[in-house]
Amino acid sequence: MAYLHLDGKSSPHYPTGRVLIENVLMLAVEMGAEPVDRARWDECCERNRFNFALGATWGLPVSRA
């Protein structure tokens, strides 16, 4: 199980459920991190999330834009 730390220190741990590393990286990009190749990053991230959702047994929605 993943946990959220609101202040990054010793705050209470808030359970978040399952979190994909792609979601963590997407948050970093949304907060200002710069991928080396943004177009490739977007494509790779979406493909990985889609492929993962195909095999997920816990309800990750599958959508293809």
Protein backbone atom coordinates (compact mmCIF):
# COMPACT_ATOMS: atom_id res chain seq x y z
CA MET A 1 0.00 0.00 0.00
CA ALA A 2 1.22 3.50 -0.79
CA TYR A 3 1.07 6.40 1.62
CA LEU A 4 0.98 10.15 1.22
CA HIS A 5 3.13 12.45 3.38
CA LEU A 6 1.76 15.97 3.16
CA ASP A 7 4.78 17.82 4.50
CA GLY A 8 7.49 15.38 3.42
CA LYS A 9 8.65 14.91 7.02
CA SER A 10 7.08 12.98 9.85
CA SER A 11 3.45 13.85 9.16
CA PRO A 12 0.76 11.21 9.49
CA HIS A 13 0.67 8.65 6.72
CA TYR A 14 -2.48 8.77 4.58
CA PRO A 15 -3.17 5.59 2.61
CA THR A 16 -3.64 6.17 -1.12
CA GLY A 17 -4.21 2.72 -2.53
CA ARG A 18 -2.20 1.48 -5.51
CA VAL A 19 -0.19 4.06 -7.40
CA LEU A 20 1.58 3.49 -10.72
CA ILE A 21 5.08 4.92 -11.06
CA GLU A 22 3.81 6.58 -14.25
CA ASN A 23 1.30 8.51 -12.13
CA VAL A 24 4.05 9.65 -9.77
CA LEU A 25 6.17 10.79 -12.71
CA MET A 26 3.17 12.53 -14.30
CA LEU A 27 2.68 14.48 -11.08
CA ALA A 28 6.35 15.48 -11.10
CA VAL A 29 6.00 16.73 -14.69
CA GLU A 30 2.81 18.62 -13.79
CA MET A 31 4.70 20.26 -10.92
CA GLY A 32 7.49 21.46 -13.19
CA ALA A 33 9.86 18.57 -13.93
CA GLU A 34 11.01 18.66 -17.55
CA PRO A 35 11.20 15.40 -19.53
CA VAL A 36 14.10 15.28 -21.99
CA ASP A 37 11.66 14.58 -24.84
CA ARG A 38 8.12 15.63 -23.91
CA ALA A 39 6.42 14.03 -26.94
CA ARG A 40 8.14 10.70 -26.28
CA TRP A 41 7.36 10.96 -22.57
CA ASP A 42 3.65 11.50 -23.22
CA GLU A 43 3.49 8.60 -25.67
CA CYS A 44 5.46 6.20 -23.46
CA CYS A 45 3.51 7.07 -20.32
CA GLU A 46 0.12 6.62 -21.98
CA ARG A 47 1.17 3.33 -23.61
CA ASN A 48 2.47 1.95 -20.29
CA ARG A 49 -0.68 2.95 -18.41
CA PHE A 50 -2.88 1.42 -21.14
CA ASN A 51 -0.92 -1.85 -21.21
CA PHE A 52 -0.98 -2.07 -17.43
CA ALA A 53 -4.74 -1.46 -17.36
CA LEU A 54 -5.28 -4.39 -19.73
CA GLY A 55 -3.97 -6.79 -17.09
CA ALA A 56 -5.14 -5.00 -13.96
CA THR A 57 -7.58 -7.04 -11.92
CA TRP A 58 -8.46 -4.24 -9.51
CA GLY A 59 -10.40 -1.87 -11.71
CA LEU A 60 -8.02 0.50 -13.48
CA PRO A 61 -10.11 1.94 -16.34
CA VAL A 62 -8.94 1.33 -19.89
CA SER A 63 -9.42 4.24 -22.27
CA ARG A 64 -7.79 4.98 -25.59
CA ALA A 65 -7.96 8.60 -26.76
